Amino acid sequence: MQYLDMVVSEVLRKWPVPLITDRT
């Protein structure tokens, strides 16, 4: 389902719930 994938991808772009990633 291409449009469903597009919608979910845009949600993850606008609202990346983890907010950060980190490294040492």
mmCIF file of all heavy atoms, coordinates in Angstrom:
data_MODEL
# 
_entry.id   MODEL 
# 
loop_
_atom_site.group_PDB 
_atom_site.id 
_atom_site.type_symbol 
_atom_site.label_atom_id 
_atom_site.label_alt_id 
_atom_site.label_comp_id 
_atom_site.label_asym_id 
_atom_site.label_entity_id 
_atom_site.label_seq_id 
_atom_site.pdbx_PDB_ins_code 
_atom_site.Cartn_x 
_atom_site.Cartn_y 
_atom_site.Cartn_z 
_atom_site.occupancy 
_atom_site.B_iso_or_equiv 
_atom_site.pdbx_formal_charge 
_atom_site.auth_seq_id 
_atom_site.auth_comp_id 
_atom_site.auth_asym_id 
_atom_site.auth_atom_id 
_atom_site.pdbx_PDB_model_num 
ATOM 1   N N   . MET A 1 1  ? 0.845  -1.205 0.000  1.00 0.00 ? 1  MET A N   1 
ATOM 2   C CA  . MET A 1 1  ? 0.000  0.000  0.000  1.00 0.00 ? 1  MET A CA  1 
ATOM 3   C C   . MET A 1 1  ? 0.883  1.258  0.000  1.00 0.00 ? 1  MET A C   1 
ATOM 4   O O   . MET A 1 1  ? 1.414  1.677  1.031  1.00 0.00 ? 1  MET A O   1 
ATOM 5   C CB  . MET A 1 1  ? -0.942 -0.019 1.197  1.00 0.00 ? 1  MET A CB  1 
ATOM 6   C CG  . MET A 1 1  ? -1.963 -1.141 1.124  1.00 0.00 ? 1  MET A CG  1 
ATOM 7   S SD  . MET A 1 1  ? -3.072 -1.205 2.552  1.00 0.00 ? 1  MET A SD  1 
ATOM 8   C CE  . MET A 1 1  ? -3.996 0.321  2.340  1.00 0.00 ? 1  MET A CE  1 
ATOM 9   N N   . GLN A 1 2  ? 1.031  1.861  -1.172 1.00 0.00 ? 2  GLN A N   1 
ATOM 10  C CA  . GLN A 1 2  ? 1.983  2.961  -1.344 1.00 0.00 ? 2  GLN A CA  1 
ATOM 11  C C   . GLN A 1 2  ? 1.571  4.220  -0.587 1.00 0.00 ? 2  GLN A C   1 
ATOM 12  O O   . GLN A 1 2  ? 2.400  4.869  0.056  1.00 0.00 ? 2  GLN A O   1 
ATOM 13  C CB  . GLN A 1 2  ? 2.146  3.288  -2.837 1.00 0.00 ? 2  GLN A CB  1 
ATOM 14  C CG  . GLN A 1 2  ? 2.868  2.209  -3.602 1.00 0.00 ? 2  GLN A CG  1 
ATOM 15  C CD  . GLN A 1 2  ? 3.111  2.593  -5.052 1.00 0.00 ? 2  GLN A CD  1 
ATOM 16  O OE1 . GLN A 1 2  ? 2.878  3.717  -5.477 1.00 0.00 ? 2  GLN A OE1 1 
ATOM 17  N NE2 . GLN A 1 2  ? 3.578  1.635  -5.832 1.00 0.00 ? 2  GLN A NE2 1 
ATOM 18  N N   . TYR A 1 3  ? 0.289  4.594  -0.668 1.00 0.00 ? 3  TYR A N   1 
ATOM 19  C CA  . TYR A 1 3  ? -0.109 5.843  -0.019 1.00 0.00 ? 3  TYR A CA  1 
ATOM 20  C C   . TYR A 1 3  ? -0.086 5.697  1.503  1.00 0.00 ? 3  TYR A C   1 
ATOM 21  O O   . TYR A 1 3  ? 0.284  6.643  2.215  1.00 0.00 ? 3  TYR A O   1 
ATOM 22  C CB  . TYR A 1 3  ? -1.495 6.299  -0.493 1.00 0.00 ? 3  TYR A CB  1 
ATOM 23  C CG  . TYR A 1 3  ? -1.745 7.761  -0.158 1.00 0.00 ? 3  TYR A CG  1 
ATOM 24  C CD1 . TYR A 1 3  ? -1.030 8.761  -0.787 1.00 0.00 ? 3  TYR A CD1 1 
ATOM 25  C CD2 . TYR A 1 3  ? -2.675 8.132  0.813  1.00 0.00 ? 3  TYR A CD2 1 
ATOM 26  C CE1 . TYR A 1 3  ? -1.233 10.098 -0.482 1.00 0.00 ? 3  TYR A CE1 1 
ATOM 27  C CE2 . TYR A 1 3  ? -2.887 9.471  1.140  1.00 0.00 ? 3  TYR A CE2 1 
ATOM 28  C CZ  . TYR A 1 3  ? -2.153 10.455 0.477  1.00 0.00 ? 3  TYR A CZ  1 
ATOM 29  O OH  . TYR A 1 3  ? -2.342 11.784 0.798  1.00 0.00 ? 3  TYR A OH  1 
ATOM 30  N N   . LEU A 1 4  ? -0.436 4.533  2.012  1.00 0.00 ? 4  LEU A N   1 
ATOM 31  C CA  . LEU A 1 4  ? -0.336 4.284  3.455  1.00 0.00 ? 4  LEU A CA  1 
ATOM 32  C C   . LEU A 1 4  ? 1.111  4.443  3.911  1.00 0.00 ? 4  LEU A C   1 
ATOM 33  O O   . LEU A 1 4  ? 1.381  5.057  4.944  1.00 0.00 ? 4  LEU A O   1 
ATOM 34  C CB  . LEU A 1 4  ? -0.844 2.875  3.782  1.00 0.00 ? 4  LEU A CB  1 
ATOM 35  C CG  . LEU A 1 4  ? -0.717 2.420  5.253  1.00 0.00 ? 4  LEU A CG  1 
ATOM 36  C CD1 . LEU A 1 4  ? -1.473 3.343  6.192  1.00 0.00 ? 4  LEU A CD1 1 
ATOM 37  C CD2 . LEU A 1 4  ? -1.219 0.977  5.399  1.00 0.00 ? 4  LEU A CD2 1 
ATOM 38  N N   . ASP A 1 5  ? 2.037  3.921  3.117  1.00 0.00 ? 5  ASP A N   1 
ATOM 39  C CA  . ASP A 1 5  ? 3.454  4.057  3.445  1.00 0.00 ? 5  ASP A CA  1 
ATOM 40  C C   . ASP A 1 5  ? 3.879  5.519  3.422  1.00 0.00 ? 5  ASP A C   1 
ATOM 41  O O   . ASP A 1 5  ? 4.651  5.968  4.285  1.00 0.00 ? 5  ASP A O   1 
ATOM 42  C CB  . ASP A 1 5  ? 4.305  3.245  2.470  1.00 0.00 ? 5  ASP A CB  1 
ATOM 43  C CG  . ASP A 1 5  ? 5.766  3.209  2.865  1.00 0.00 ? 5  ASP A CG  1 
ATOM 44  O OD1 . ASP A 1 5  ? 6.084  2.571  3.886  1.00 0.00 ? 5  ASP A OD1 1 
ATOM 45  O OD2 . ASP A 1 5  ? 6.591  3.838  2.173  1.00 0.00 ? 5  ASP A OD2 1 
ATOM 46  N N   . MET A 1 6  ? 3.371  6.285  2.465  1.00 0.00 ? 6  MET A N   1 
ATOM 47  C CA  . MET A 1 6  ? 3.686  7.713  2.376  1.00 0.00 ? 6  MET A CA  1 
ATOM 48  C C   . MET A 1 6  ? 3.173  8.471  3.600  1.00 0.00 ? 6  MET A C   1 
ATOM 49  O O   . MET A 1 6  ? 3.869  9.325  4.161  1.00 0.00 ? 6  MET A O   1 
ATOM 50  C CB  . MET A 1 6  ? 3.072  8.302  1.100  1.00 0.00 ? 6  MET A CB  1 
ATOM 51  C CG  . MET A 1 6  ? 3.757  7.859  -0.182 1.00 0.00 ? 6  MET A CG  1 
ATOM 52  S SD  . MET A 1 6  ? 2.735  8.111  -1.676 1.00 0.00 ? 6  MET A SD  1 
ATOM 53  C CE  . MET A 1 6  ? 2.436  9.879  -1.617 1.00 0.00 ? 6  MET A CE  1 
ATOM 54  N N   . VAL A 1 7  ? 1.961  8.152  4.020  1.00 0.00 ? 7  VAL A N   1 
ATOM 55  C CA  . VAL A 1 7  ? 1.371  8.818  5.189  1.00 0.00 ? 7  VAL A CA  1 
ATOM 56  C C   . VAL A 1 7  ? 2.177  8.523  6.442  1.00 0.00 ? 7  VAL A C   1 
ATOM 57  O O   . VAL A 1 7  ? 2.529  9.435  7.203  1.00 0.00 ? 7  VAL A O   1 
ATOM 58  C CB  . VAL A 1 7  ? -0.103 8.380  5.377  1.00 0.00 ? 7  VAL A CB  1 
ATOM 59  C CG1 . VAL A 1 7  ? -0.629 8.813  6.742  1.00 0.00 ? 7  VAL A CG1 1 
ATOM 60  C CG2 . VAL A 1 7  ? -0.978 8.960  4.270  1.00 0.00 ? 7  VAL A CG2 1 
ATOM 61  N N   . VAL A 1 8  ? 2.505  7.251  6.659  1.00 0.00 ? 8  VAL A N   1 
ATOM 62  C CA  . VAL A 1 8  ? 3.258  6.873  7.863  1.00 0.00 ? 8  VAL A CA  1 
ATOM 63  C C   . VAL A 1 8  ? 4.657  7.495  7.839  1.00 0.00 ? 8  VAL A C   1 
ATOM 64  O O   . VAL A 1 8  ? 5.153  7.978  8.869  1.00 0.00 ? 8  VAL A O   1 
ATOM 65  C CB  . VAL A 1 8  ? 3.335  5.337  7.996  1.00 0.00 ? 8  VAL A CB  1 
ATOM 66  C CG1 . VAL A 1 8  ? 4.265  4.935  9.137  1.00 0.00 ? 8  VAL A CG1 1 
ATOM 67  C CG2 . VAL A 1 8  ? 1.948  4.762  8.221  1.00 0.00 ? 8  VAL A CG2 1 
ATOM 68  N N   . SER A 1 9  ? 5.285  7.519  6.663  1.00 0.00 ? 9  SER A N   1 
ATOM 69  C CA  . SER A 1 9  ? 6.614  8.130  6.544  1.00 0.00 ? 9  SER A CA  1 
ATOM 70  C C   . SER A 1 9  ? 6.575  9.607  6.894  1.00 0.00 ? 9  SER A C   1 
ATOM 71  O O   . SER A 1 9  ? 7.481  10.122 7.560  1.00 0.00 ? 9  SER A O   1 
ATOM 72  C CB  . SER A 1 9  ? 7.155  7.952  5.117  1.00 0.00 ? 9  SER A CB  1 
ATOM 73  O OG  . SER A 1 9  ? 7.340  6.592  4.812  1.00 0.00 ? 9  SER A OG  1 
ATOM 74  N N   . GLU A 1 10 ? 5.528  10.295 6.466  1.00 0.00 ? 10 GLU A N   1 
ATOM 75  C CA  . GLU A 1 10 ? 5.410  11.731 6.766  1.00 0.00 ? 10 GLU A CA  1 
ATOM 76  C C   . GLU A 1 10 ? 5.106  11.976 8.238  1.00 0.00 ? 10 GLU A C   1 
ATOM 77  O O   . GLU A 1 10 ? 5.584  12.947 8.826  1.00 0.00 ? 10 GLU A O   1 
ATOM 78  C CB  . GLU A 1 10 ? 4.335  12.361 5.869  1.00 0.00 ? 10 GLU A CB  1 
ATOM 79  C CG  . GLU A 1 10 ? 4.048  13.831 6.142  1.00 0.00 ? 10 GLU A CG  1 
ATOM 80  C CD  . GLU A 1 10 ? 5.191  14.793 5.829  1.00 0.00 ? 10 GLU A CD  1 
ATOM 81  O OE1 . GLU A 1 10 ? 6.332  14.335 5.615  1.00 0.00 ? 10 GLU A OE1 1 
ATOM 82  O OE2 . GLU A 1 10 ? 4.952  16.020 5.834  1.00 0.00 ? 10 GLU A OE2 1 
ATOM 83  N N   . VAL A 1 11 ? 4.326  11.094 8.853  1.00 0.00 ? 11 VAL A N   1 
ATOM 84  C CA  . VAL A 1 11 ? 4.096  11.204 10.304 1.00 0.00 ? 11 VAL A CA  1 
ATOM 85  C C   . VAL A 1 11 ? 5.419  11.073 11.043 1.00 0.00 ? 11 VAL A C   1 
ATOM 86  O O   . VAL A 1 11 ? 5.720  11.852 11.951 1.00 0.00 ? 11 VAL A O   1 
ATOM 87  C CB  . VAL A 1 11 ? 3.103  10.123 10.792 1.00 0.00 ? 11 VAL A CB  1 
ATOM 88  C CG1 . VAL A 1 11 ? 3.016  10.131 12.319 1.00 0.00 ? 11 VAL A CG1 1 
ATOM 89  C CG2 . VAL A 1 11 ? 1.723  10.340 10.197 1.00 0.00 ? 11 VAL A CG2 1 
ATOM 90  N N   . LEU A 1 12 ? 6.231  10.097 10.641 1.00 0.00 ? 12 LEU A N   1 
ATOM 91  C CA  . LEU A 1 12 ? 7.524  9.877  11.291 1.00 0.00 ? 12 LEU A CA  1 
ATOM 92  C C   . LEU A 1 12 ? 8.492  11.024 11.038 1.00 0.00 ? 12 LEU A C   1 
ATOM 93  O O   . LEU A 1 12 ? 9.369  11.295 11.863 1.00 0.00 ? 12 LEU A O   1 
ATOM 94  C CB  . LEU A 1 12 ? 8.134  8.565  10.798 1.00 0.00 ? 12 LEU A CB  1 
ATOM 95  C CG  . LEU A 1 12 ? 7.432  7.292  11.258 1.00 0.00 ? 12 LEU A CG  1 
ATOM 96  C CD1 . LEU A 1 12 ? 7.919  6.085  10.466 1.00 0.00 ? 12 LEU A CD1 1 
ATOM 97  C CD2 . LEU A 1 12 ? 7.666  7.059  12.750 1.00 0.00 ? 12 LEU A CD2 1 
ATOM 98  N N   . ARG A 1 13 ? 8.350  11.708 9.908  1.00 0.00 ? 13 ARG A N   1 
ATOM 99  C CA  . ARG A 1 13 ? 9.191  12.885 9.659  1.00 0.00 ? 13 ARG A CA  1 
ATOM 100 C C   . ARG A 1 13 ? 8.777  14.045 10.551 1.00 0.00 ? 13 ARG A C   1 
ATOM 101 O O   . ARG A 1 13 ? 9.598  14.665 11.231 1.00 0.00 ? 13 ARG A O   1 
ATOM 102 C CB  . ARG A 1 13 ? 9.099  13.338 8.195  1.00 0.00 ? 13 ARG A CB  1 
ATOM 103 C CG  . ARG A 1 13 ? 9.976  14.573 7.905  1.00 0.00 ? 13 ARG A CG  1 
ATOM 104 C CD  . ARG A 1 13 ? 9.476  15.381 6.739  1.00 0.00 ? 13 ARG A CD  1 
ATOM 105 N NE  . ARG A 1 13 ? 8.165  15.984 6.954  1.00 0.00 ? 13 ARG A NE  1 
ATOM 106 C CZ  . ARG A 1 13 ? 7.949  17.115 7.618  1.00 0.00 ? 13 ARG A CZ  1 
ATOM 107 N NH1 . ARG A 1 13 ? 8.938  17.782 8.172  1.00 0.00 ? 13 ARG A NH1 1 
ATOM 108 N NH2 . ARG A 1 13 ? 6.721  17.585 7.743  1.00 0.00 ? 13 ARG A NH2 1 
ATOM 109 N N   . LYS A 1 14 ? 7.480  14.337 10.567 1.00 0.00 ? 14 LYS A N   1 
ATOM 110 C CA  . LYS A 1 14 ? 7.002  15.494 11.322 1.00 0.00 ? 14 LYS A CA  1 
ATOM 111 C C   . LYS A 1 14 ? 7.038  15.256 12.823 1.00 0.00 ? 14 LYS A C   1 
ATOM 112 O O   . LYS A 1 14 ? 7.295  16.177 13.602 1.00 0.00 ? 14 LYS A O   1 
ATOM 113 C CB  . LYS A 1 14 ? 5.575  15.843 10.874 1.00 0.00 ? 14 LYS A CB  1 
ATOM 114 C CG  . LYS A 1 14 ? 5.073  17.160 11.447 1.00 0.00 ? 14 LYS A CG  1 
ATOM 115 C CD  . LYS A 1 14 ? 3.694  17.531 10.916 1.00 0.00 ? 14 LYS A CD  1 
ATOM 116 C CE  . LYS A 1 14 ? 3.212  18.839 11.558 1.00 0.00 ? 14 LYS A CE  1 
ATOM 117 N NZ  . LYS A 1 14 ? 1.852  19.203 11.125 1.00 0.00 ? 14 LYS A NZ  1 
ATOM 118 N N   . TRP A 1 15 ? 6.793  14.017 13.238 1.00 0.00 ? 15 TRP A N   1 
ATOM 119 C CA  . TRP A 1 15 ? 6.731  13.692 14.663 1.00 0.00 ? 15 TRP A CA  1 
ATOM 120 C C   . TRP A 1 15 ? 7.625  12.491 14.984 1.00 0.00 ? 15 TRP A C   1 
ATOM 121 O O   . TRP A 1 15 ? 7.136  11.410 15.290 1.00 0.00 ? 15 TRP A O   1 
ATOM 122 C CB  . TRP A 1 15 ? 5.287  13.388 15.082 1.00 0.00 ? 15 TRP A CB  1 
ATOM 123 C CG  . TRP A 1 15 ? 4.340  14.519 14.841 1.00 0.00 ? 15 TRP A CG  1 
ATOM 124 C CD1 . TRP A 1 15 ? 3.382  14.607 13.871 1.00 0.00 ? 15 TRP A CD1 1 
ATOM 125 C CD2 . TRP A 1 15 ? 4.256  15.738 15.596 1.00 0.00 ? 15 TRP A CD2 1 
ATOM 126 N NE1 . TRP A 1 15 ? 2.703  15.792 13.965 1.00 0.00 ? 15 TRP A NE1 1 
ATOM 127 C CE2 . TRP A 1 15 ? 3.214  16.518 15.022 1.00 0.00 ? 15 TRP A CE2 1 
ATOM 128 C CE3 . TRP A 1 15 ? 4.953  16.256 16.698 1.00 0.00 ? 15 TRP A CE3 1 
ATOM 129 C CZ2 . TRP A 1 15 ? 2.862  17.772 15.508 1.00 0.00 ? 15 TRP A CZ2 1 
ATOM 130 C CZ3 . TRP A 1 15 ? 4.604  17.503 17.184 1.00 0.00 ? 15 TRP A CZ3 1 
ATOM 131 C CH2 . TRP A 1 15 ? 3.574  18.245 16.592 1.00 0.00 ? 15 TRP A CH2 1 
ATOM 132 N N   . PRO A 1 16 ? 8.953  12.651 14.909 1.00 0.00 ? 16 PRO A N   1 
ATOM 133 C CA  . PRO A 1 16 ? 9.841  11.539 15.273 1.00 0.00 ? 16 PRO A CA  1 
ATOM 134 C C   . PRO A 1 16 ? 9.832  11.356 16.791 1.00 0.00 ? 16 PRO A C   1 
ATOM 135 O O   . PRO A 1 16 ? 10.536 12.042 17.526 1.00 0.00 ? 16 PRO A O   1 
ATOM 136 C CB  . PRO A 1 16 ? 11.218 12.012 14.777 1.00 0.00 ? 16 PRO A CB  1 
ATOM 137 C CG  . PRO A 1 16 ? 11.135 13.509 14.823 1.00 0.00 ? 16 PRO A CG  1 
ATOM 138 C CD  . PRO A 1 16 ? 9.699  13.871 14.531 1.00 0.00 ? 16 PRO A CD  1 
ATOM 139 N N   . VAL A 1 17 ? 9.024  10.437 17.257 1.00 0.00 ? 17 VAL A N   1 
ATOM 140 C CA  . VAL A 1 17 ? 8.730  10.322 18.692 1.00 0.00 ? 17 VAL A CA  1 
ATOM 141 C C   . VAL A 1 17 ? 9.976  10.138 19.568 1.00 0.00 ? 17 VAL A C   1 
ATOM 142 O O   . VAL A 1 17 ? 10.055 10.716 20.652 1.00 0.00 ? 17 VAL A O   1 
ATOM 143 C CB  . VAL A 1 17 ? 7.696  9.192  18.923 1.00 0.00 ? 17 VAL A CB  1 
ATOM 144 C CG1 . VAL A 1 17 ? 7.468  8.965  20.411 1.00 0.00 ? 17 VAL A CG1 1 
ATOM 145 C CG2 . VAL A 1 17 ? 6.368  9.562  18.244 1.00 0.00 ? 17 VAL A CG2 1 
ATOM 146 N N   . PRO A 1 18 ? 11.010 9.381  19.146 1.00 0.00 ? 18 PRO A N   1 
ATOM 147 C CA  . PRO A 1 18 ? 12.193 9.269  20.019 1.00 0.00 ? 18 PRO A CA  1 
ATOM 148 C C   . PRO A 1 18 ? 12.951 10.598 20.192 1.00 0.00 ? 18 PRO A C   1 
ATOM 149 O O   . PRO A 1 18 ? 13.708 10.757 21.144 1.00 0.00 ? 18 PRO A O   1 
ATOM 150 C CB  . PRO A 1 18 ? 13.073 8.237  19.303 1.00 0.00 ? 18 PRO A CB  1 
ATOM 151 C CG  . PRO A 1 18 ? 12.131 7.482  18.430 1.00 0.00 ? 18 PRO A CG  1 
ATOM 152 C CD  . PRO A 1 18 ? 11.103 8.474  17.999 1.00 0.00 ? 18 PRO A CD  1 
ATOM 153 N N   . LEU A 1 19 ? 12.775 11.527 19.264 1.00 0.00 ? 19 LEU A N   1 
ATOM 154 C CA  . LEU A 1 19 ? 13.349 12.886 19.291 1.00 0.00 ? 19 LEU A CA  1 
ATOM 155 C C   . LEU A 1 19 ? 14.847 12.942 19.008 1.00 0.00 ? 19 LEU A C   1 
ATOM 156 O O   . LEU A 1 19 ? 15.313 13.824 18.286 1.00 0.00 ? 19 LEU A O   1 
ATOM 157 C CB  . LEU A 1 19 ? 13.068 13.593 20.616 1.00 0.00 ? 19 LEU A CB  1 
ATOM 158 C CG  . LEU A 1 19 ? 11.600 13.796 20.989 1.00 0.00 ? 19 LEU A CG  1 
ATOM 159 C CD1 . LEU A 1 19 ? 11.501 14.561 22.309 1.00 0.00 ? 19 LEU A CD1 1 
ATOM 160 C CD2 . LEU A 1 19 ? 10.852 14.534 19.894 1.00 0.00 ? 19 LEU A CD2 1 
ATOM 161 N N   . ILE A 1 20 ? 15.635 12.043 19.598 1.00 0.00 ? 20 ILE A N   1 
ATOM 162 C CA  . ILE A 1 20 ? 17.085 12.097 19.419 1.00 0.00 ? 20 ILE A CA  1 
ATOM 163 C C   . ILE A 1 20 ? 17.650 10.696 19.193 1.00 0.00 ? 20 ILE A C   1 
ATOM 164 O O   . ILE A 1 20 ? 17.003 9.698  19.486 1.00 0.00 ? 20 ILE A O   1 
ATOM 165 C CB  . ILE A 1 20 ? 17.801 12.708 20.646 1.00 0.00 ? 20 ILE A CB  1 
ATOM 166 C CG1 . ILE A 1 20 ? 17.528 11.848 21.895 1.00 0.00 ? 20 ILE A CG1 1 
ATOM 167 C CG2 . ILE A 1 20 ? 17.420 14.150 20.866 1.00 0.00 ? 20 ILE A CG2 1 
ATOM 168 C CD1 . ILE A 1 20 ? 18.511 12.046 23.006 1.00 0.00 ? 20 ILE A CD1 1 
ATOM 169 N N   . THR A 1 21 ? 18.872 10.672 18.681 1.00 0.00 ? 21 THR A N   1 
ATOM 170 C CA  . THR A 1 21 ? 19.699 9.475  18.743 1.00 0.00 ? 21 THR A CA  1 
ATOM 171 C C   . THR A 1 21 ? 21.083 9.930  19.168 1.00 0.00 ? 21 THR A C   1 
ATOM 172 O O   . THR A 1 21 ? 21.428 11.097 18.990 1.00 0.00 ? 21 THR A O   1 
ATOM 173 C CB  . THR A 1 21 ? 19.721 8.707  17.411 1.00 0.00 ? 21 THR A CB  1 
ATOM 174 O OG1 . THR A 1 21 ? 20.423 7.470  17.586 1.00 0.00 ? 21 THR A OG1 1 
ATOM 175 C CG2 . THR A 1 21 ? 20.384 9.508  16.300 1.00 0.00 ? 21 THR A CG2 1 
ATOM 176 N N   . ASP A 1 22 ? 21.865 9.046  19.747 1.00 0.00 ? 22 ASP A N   1 
ATOM 177 C CA  . ASP A 1 22 ? 23.160 9.472  20.277 1.00 0.00 ? 22 ASP A CA  1 
ATOM 178 C C   . ASP A 1 22 ? 24.232 8.421  20.041 1.00 0.00 ? 22 ASP A C   1 
ATOM 179 O O   . ASP A 1 22 ? 23.936 7.259  19.755 1.00 0.00 ? 22 ASP A O   1 
ATOM 180 C CB  . ASP A 1 22 ? 23.039 9.770  21.776 1.00 0.00 ? 22 ASP A CB  1 
ATOM 181 C CG  . ASP A 1 22 ? 22.796 8.504  22.579 1.00 0.00 ? 22 ASP A CG  1 
ATOM 182 O OD1 . ASP A 1 22 ? 21.625 8.082  22.724 1.00 0.00 ? 22 ASP A OD1 1 
ATOM 183 O OD2 . ASP A 1 22 ? 23.780 7.908  23.050 1.00 0.00 ? 22 ASP A OD2 1 
ATOM 184 N N   . ARG A 1 23 ? 25.479 8.843  20.153 1.00 0.00 ? 23 ARG A N   1 
ATOM 185 C CA  . ARG A 1 23 ? 26.626 7.952  20.051 1.00 0.00 ? 23 ARG A CA  1 
ATOM 186 C C   . ARG A 1 23 ? 27.731 8.459  20.976 1.00 0.00 ? 23 ARG A C   1 
ATOM 187 O O   . ARG A 1 23 ? 27.776 9.640  21.326 1.00 0.00 ? 23 ARG A O   1 
ATOM 188 C CB  . ARG A 1 23 ? 27.176 7.910  18.613 1.00 0.00 ? 23 ARG A CB  1 
ATOM 189 C CG  . ARG A 1 23 ? 26.231 7.310  17.573 1.00 0.00 ? 23 ARG A CG  1 
ATOM 190 C CD  . ARG A 1 23 ? 26.041 5.827  17.766 1.00 0.00 ? 23 ARG A CD  1 
ATOM 191 N NE  . ARG A 1 23 ? 25.241 5.251  16.697 1.00 0.00 ? 23 ARG A NE  1 
ATOM 192 C CZ  . ARG A 1 23 ? 23.908 5.180  16.707 1.00 0.00 ? 23 ARG A CZ  1 
ATOM 193 N NH1 . ARG A 1 23 ? 23.239 5.643  17.739 1.00 0.00 ? 23 ARG A NH1 1 
ATOM 194 N NH2 . ARG A 1 23 ? 23.259 4.636  15.707 1.00 0.00 ? 23 ARG A NH2 1 
ATOM 195 N N   . THR A 1 24 ? 28.645 7.551  21.333 1.00 0.00 ? 24 THR A N   1 
ATOM 196 C CA  . THR A 1 24 ? 29.860 7.901  22.061 1.00 0.00 ? 24 THR A CA  1 
ATOM 197 C C   . THR A 1 24 ? 31.051 7.565  21.175 1.00 0.00 ? 24 THR A C   1 
ATOM 198 O O   . THR A 1 24 ? 31.108 6.480  20.591 1.00 0.00 ? 24 THR A O   1 
ATOM 199 C CB  . THR A 1 24 ? 29.954 7.109  23.377 1.00 0.00 ? 24 THR A CB  1 
ATOM 200 O OG1 . THR A 1 24 ? 28.867 7.486  24.227 1.00 0.00 ? 24 THR A OG1 1 
ATOM 201 C CG2 . THR A 1 24 ? 31.262 7.390  24.093 1.00 0.00 ? 24 THR A CG2 1 
# 
